[in-house]
Amino acid sequence: MEVRIAHLYPSLMNIYADRGNIITLAMRCAWRGIEVLVDEFGIGETPSWDDYDFYYLGGGQDREQQLVCRDLAAKREGLAEAVERGAVLLSICGGYQLLGDYYRTGAGETMEGIGLFRAHTVAGRRRCIGNIVVEADIGGSRLVLAGFENHSGKTFLDPGQQALGRVLTGFGNNAEDGLEGIVYRNAIGTYMHGPLLPKNPGLTDWLLARSLEHRQGQAIGKASPLPALDDSLEEAAHAVALRISGK
């Protein structure tokens, strides 16, 4: 078995240890004997969209987002088609914002997104910062996710769009409607840094299973589940994150 990962803009979109999500996914593959290939793509570099199972876009500040925004527009069609074909995508904070329709900054400038997610973001006056706990329904399974958020942007989903989950502690998308993130097919956008995946193994394995399905062209079901791992350390980290969040 093999999983191929395309890490988009790793030198520009990598705050609050977002690169740790790639490391976590790669290690959980290695521990199961699954080969993993990670290729990095920066400004002016375009993946062969049929070659990858998992696309990753981390968070960045406004200056980095401005640079990425112009380049990402050229990747719009290829990335959207990859997601429609079942590829997995995880985007964090600034990456999440750029995959929506637009992000309007505090200075009144508008960064045009690529419209993969039916959502838009506007700068808020209040910074949303701190630990966050979210109750999510991923593939019919209830998961309690723990992370860290730090954003002034307020993201609003279009009617009918599926949020990643409901906020139990923290701010989430906009500190108003109690929702966090977005899910479209196998694509996820979220404000949760931390990094997110090391202390949320259930979500990591969901992303991995969907990536393997994309590679193999068949479902990873009861007949061929992912081999279980000893998640005691991950569960301990998750428990600490919940405790310091008051949950």
Protein backbone atom coordinates (compact mmCIF):
# COMPACT_ATOMS: atom_id res chain seq x y z
CA MET A 1 0.00 0.00 0.00
CA GLU A 2 1.10 3.55 -0.70
CA VAL A 3 -0.11 7.09 -0.03
CA ARG A 4 1.12 10.12 -1.95
CA ILE A 5 0.95 13.53 -0.27
CA ALA A 6 1.31 16.95 -1.91
CA HIS A 7 2.29 19.63 0.62
CA LEU A 8 1.38 23.02 -0.86
CA TYR A 9 3.44 26.12 0.01
CA PRO A 10 5.28 24.59 3.01
CA SER A 11 7.72 27.49 3.39
CA LEU A 12 4.99 30.15 3.40
CA MET A 13 2.02 28.45 5.09
CA ASN A 14 3.43 26.81 8.21
CA ILE A 15 2.68 28.68 11.44
CA TYR A 16 1.93 27.13 14.84
CA ALA A 17 3.64 23.87 13.88
CA ASP A 18 1.26 23.06 11.02
CA ARG A 19 4.00 20.97 9.39
CA GLY A 20 3.50 18.52 12.27
CA ASN A 21 0.30 17.33 10.59
CA ILE A 22 2.32 15.95 7.67
CA ILE A 23 4.80 14.32 10.04
CA THR A 24 1.97 12.67 11.97
CA LEU A 25 0.27 11.30 8.89
CA ALA A 26 3.58 9.97 7.54
CA MET A 27 4.44 8.26 10.85
CA ARG A 28 1.05 6.57 11.17
CA CYS A 29 1.61 5.23 7.67
CA ALA A 30 5.13 4.02 8.50
CA TRP A 31 4.01 2.27 11.69
CA ARG A 32 1.55 0.26 9.57
CA GLY A 33 4.02 -0.57 6.82
CA ILE A 34 2.33 1.81 4.38
CA GLU A 35 4.72 3.55 2.02
CA VAL A 36 4.32 7.31 1.95
CA LEU A 37 5.65 9.85 -0.52
CA VAL A 38 5.61 13.55 0.42
CA ASP A 39 6.36 16.13 -2.27
CA GLU A 40 6.46 19.88 -1.64
CA PHE A 41 5.14 22.48 -4.07
CA GLY A 42 5.80 26.21 -3.77
CA ILE A 43 5.03 29.29 -5.83
CA GLY A 44 5.04 28.45 -9.54
CA GLU A 45 5.15 24.70 -8.96
CA THR A 46 2.11 22.63 -9.89
CA PRO A 47 1.49 19.00 -8.94
CA SER A 48 0.36 16.41 -11.42
CA TRP A 49 -3.12 16.31 -9.95
CA ASP A 50 -3.80 12.64 -10.72
CA ASP A 51 -0.66 11.52 -8.87
CA TYR A 52 -1.58 12.47 -5.29
CA ASP A 53 -4.07 11.18 -2.76
CA PHE A 54 -3.75 13.86 -0.09
CA TYR A 55 -3.32 17.64 -0.46
CA TYR A 56 -2.28 19.81 2.46
CA LEU A 57 -2.32 23.58 2.93
CA GLY A 58 -1.30 25.06 6.29
CA GLY A 59 -1.84 28.46 7.87
CA GLY A 60 -0.10 31.74 7.18
CA GLN A 61 -0.30 35.43 7.98
CA ASP A 62 -1.81 38.03 5.64
CA ARG A 63 1.45 38.77 3.83
CA GLU A 64 2.06 35.11 3.04
CA GLN A 65 -1.58 34.64 2.11
CA GLN A 66 -1.30 37.48 -0.42
CA LEU A 67 1.61 35.71 -2.12
CA VAL A 68 -0.11 32.35 -2.12
CA CYS A 69 -3.46 33.77 -3.24
CA ARG A 70 -2.17 34.85 -6.64
CA ASP A 71 -0.47 31.52 -7.28
CA LEU A 72 -3.32 29.39 -5.95
CA ALA A 73 -5.68 30.88 -8.52
CA ALA A 74 -3.72 29.08 -11.24
CA LYS A 75 -4.20 25.80 -9.37
CA ARG A 76 -7.93 26.28 -8.87
CA GLU A 77 -9.20 23.92 -11.57
CA GLY A 78 -6.71 21.12 -10.94
CA LEU A 79 -7.24 21.06 -7.17
CA ALA A 80 -11.02 21.22 -7.48
CA GLU A 81 -11.06 18.34 -9.95
CA ALA A 82 -8.81 16.27 -7.69
CA VAL A 83 -11.23 16.74 -4.79
CA GLU A 84 -14.19 15.81 -6.99
CA ARG A 85 -12.37 12.57 -7.89
CA GLY A 86 -12.07 11.68 -4.20
CA ALA A 87 -8.66 13.03 -3.22
CA VAL A 88 -8.29 14.14 0.40
CA LEU A 89 -7.55 17.73 1.36
CA LEU A 90 -6.78 19.27 4.75
CA SER A 91 -6.47 23.06 5.01
CA ILE A 92 -5.70 25.00 8.17
CA CYS A 93 -6.59 28.60 9.09
CA GLY A 94 -5.18 30.84 6.32
CA GLY A 95 -5.25 27.91 3.91
CA TYR A 96 -8.89 27.31 4.82
CA GLN A 97 -9.71 30.97 4.14
CA LEU A 98 -8.08 30.93 0.70
CA LEU A 99 -10.13 27.91 -0.36
CA GLY A 100 -13.36 29.84 0.20
CA ASP A 101 -14.84 32.52 -2.05
CA TYR A 102 -12.87 35.45 -0.63
CA TYR A 103 -11.14 36.90 2.43
CA ARG A 104 -11.59 40.61 3.16
CA THR A 105 -8.74 41.90 5.34
CA GLY A 106 -8.88 44.51 8.07
CA ALA A 107 -7.30 46.96 5.63
CA GLY A 108 -10.27 46.51 3.30
CA GLU A 109 -8.36 44.50 0.70
CA THR A 110 -10.01 41.44 -0.79
CA MET A 111 -8.13 38.25 -1.50
CA GLU A 112 -10.05 36.19 -4.00
CA GLY A 113 -10.32 32.55 -2.99
CA ILE A 114 -10.71 29.62 -5.32
CA GLY A 115 -14.27 28.75 -4.28
CA LEU A 116 -13.62 25.13 -3.38
CA PHE A 117 -15.51 25.79 -0.16
CA ARG A 118 -18.76 27.74 -0.30
CA ALA A 119 -17.79 30.18 2.42
CA HIS A 120 -16.32 33.65 2.83
CA THR A 121 -14.15 35.34 5.45
CA VAL A 122 -14.04 38.91 6.74
CA ALA A 123 -11.62 40.38 9.27
CA GLY A 124 -13.08 40.86 12.73
CA ARG A 125 -12.19 43.33 15.44
CA ARG A 126 -11.73 40.64 18.06
CA ARG A 127 -8.93 38.10 17.87
CA CYS A 128 -10.07 34.53 18.43
CA ILE A 129 -7.23 32.88 20.29
CA GLY A 130 -6.97 29.95 22.67
CA ASN A 131 -7.66 26.26 22.97
CA ILE A 132 -10.67 24.88 21.15
CA VAL A 133 -12.72 21.70 21.49
CA VAL A 134 -15.10 20.64 18.73
CA GLU A 135 -17.66 17.83 18.55
CA ALA A 136 -17.48 16.51 14.99
CA ASP A 137 -19.29 13.85 12.97
CA ILE A 138 -16.77 12.36 10.56
CA GLY A 139 -18.06 9.59 8.31
CA GLY A 140 -20.81 8.77 10.79
CA SER A 141 -18.43 8.59 13.74
CA ARG A 142 -18.58 11.11 16.59
CA LEU A 143 -15.17 12.57 17.40
CA VAL A 144 -14.21 15.16 19.98
CA LEU A 145 -11.37 17.17 18.44
CA ALA A 146 -8.92 19.33 20.39
CA GLY A 147 -6.80 22.09 18.90
CA PHE A 148 -5.58 25.66 19.17
CA GLU A 149 -6.93 28.64 17.25
CA ASN A 150 -5.52 32.10 16.61
CA HIS A 151 -7.33 34.13 13.96
CA SER A 152 -9.05 37.45 13.46
CA GLY A 153 -10.85 36.33 10.32
CA LYS A 154 -14.51 35.39 10.68
CA THR A 155 -15.64 32.69 8.27
CA PHE A 156 -19.29 32.21 7.36
CA LEU A 157 -20.54 29.13 5.53
CA ASP A 158 -23.11 29.45 2.78
CA PRO A 159 -26.52 27.93 3.56
CA GLY A 160 -26.55 24.15 3.27
CA GLN A 161 -22.81 23.69 3.76
CA GLN A 162 -21.55 21.11 6.26
CA ALA A 163 -19.44 22.32 9.16
CA LEU A 164 -16.69 20.13 10.53
CA GLY A 165 -18.36 20.29 13.92
CA ARG A 166 -19.92 22.27 16.74
CA VAL A 167 -17.79 24.25 19.17
CA LEU A 168 -17.79 23.03 22.77
CA THR A 169 -15.05 25.41 23.93
CA GLY A 170 -13.50 28.24 21.92
CA PHE A 171 -14.58 30.47 19.05
CA GLY A 172 -14.67 28.43 15.84
CA ASN A 173 -15.47 29.91 12.45
CA ASN A 174 -16.74 33.28 13.60
CA ALA A 175 -17.50 33.28 17.36
CA GLU A 176 -21.18 33.73 16.50
CA ASP A 177 -22.88 30.62 15.15
CA GLY A 178 -21.11 27.92 17.18
CA LEU A 179 -19.73 26.15 14.11
CA GLU A 180 -16.15 25.21 13.27
CA GLY A 181 -14.60 24.34 9.93
CA ILE A 182 -16.17 22.92 6.82
CA VAL A 183 -16.37 19.54 5.10
CA TYR A 184 -16.89 18.99 1.39
CA ARG A 185 -16.47 15.43 0.10
CA ASN A 186 -13.04 14.40 1.49
CA ALA A 187 -11.88 18.02 1.90
CA ILE A 188 -11.69 19.68 5.32
CA GLY A 189 -11.07 23.29 6.27
CA THR A 190 -10.50 24.20 9.92
CA TYR A 191 -9.04 26.87 12.19
CA MET A 192 -7.48 24.25 14.47
CA HIS A 193 -3.70 24.46 14.73
CA GLY A 194 -1.69 22.74 17.39
CA PRO A 195 -0.82 20.90 15.18
CA LEU A 196 -4.21 19.22 14.91
CA LEU A 197 -3.45 15.61 13.96
CA PRO A 198 -0.98 14.38 16.63
CA LYS A 199 -3.57 14.58 19.40
CA ASN A 200 -6.56 13.55 17.26
CA PRO A 201 -5.70 10.07 15.92
CA GLY A 202 -9.29 9.30 14.96
CA LEU A 203 -9.35 12.17 12.49
CA THR A 204 -5.86 11.30 11.23
CA ASP A 205 -6.88 7.73 10.48
CA TRP A 206 -10.08 8.88 8.75
CA LEU A 207 -7.96 11.04 6.44
CA LEU A 208 -5.53 8.16 5.90
CA ALA A 209 -8.30 5.67 5.09
CA ARG A 210 -9.83 8.04 2.54
CA SER A 211 -6.37 8.58 1.00
CA LEU A 212 -5.87 4.83 0.65
CA GLU A 213 -9.30 4.48 -0.91
CA HIS A 214 -8.31 7.10 -3.45
CA ARG A 215 -5.06 5.26 -4.22
CA GLN A 216 -6.64 1.80 -4.42
CA GLY A 217 -9.96 2.77 -5.92
CA GLN A 218 -11.91 0.83 -3.29
CA ALA A 219 -13.29 1.36 0.19
CA ILE A 220 -11.24 0.61 3.29
CA GLY A 221 -14.00 -1.22 5.15
CA LYS A 222 -14.53 -3.99 7.62
CA ALA A 223 -12.87 -6.51 5.32
CA SER A 224 -9.60 -4.55 5.29
CA PRO A 225 -9.53 -2.05 8.16
CA LEU A 226 -6.47 -0.05 9.06
CA PRO A 227 -4.34 -2.04 11.53
CA ALA A 228 -4.80 -0.74 15.07
CA LEU A 229 -2.00 1.24 16.70
CA ASP A 230 -1.10 1.90 20.31
CA ASP A 231 -2.56 5.38 20.70
CA SER A 232 -1.92 5.72 24.43
CA LEU A 233 0.43 8.69 23.97
CA GLU A 234 -1.91 10.39 21.52
CA GLU A 235 -4.86 9.81 23.85
CA ALA A 236 -2.90 11.25 26.77
CA ALA A 237 -2.09 14.39 24.73
CA HIS A 238 -5.76 14.64 23.77
CA ALA A 239 -6.83 14.33 27.40
CA VAL A 240 -4.43 17.10 28.46
CA ALA A 241 -5.75 19.35 25.68
CA LEU A 242 -9.32 18.76 26.86
CA ARG A 243 -8.37 19.37 30.48
CA ILE A 244 -6.68 22.72 29.84
CA SER A 245 -9.70 23.69 27.72
CA GLY A 246 -12.00 23.01 30.64
CA LYS A 247 -13.52 19.86 29.15
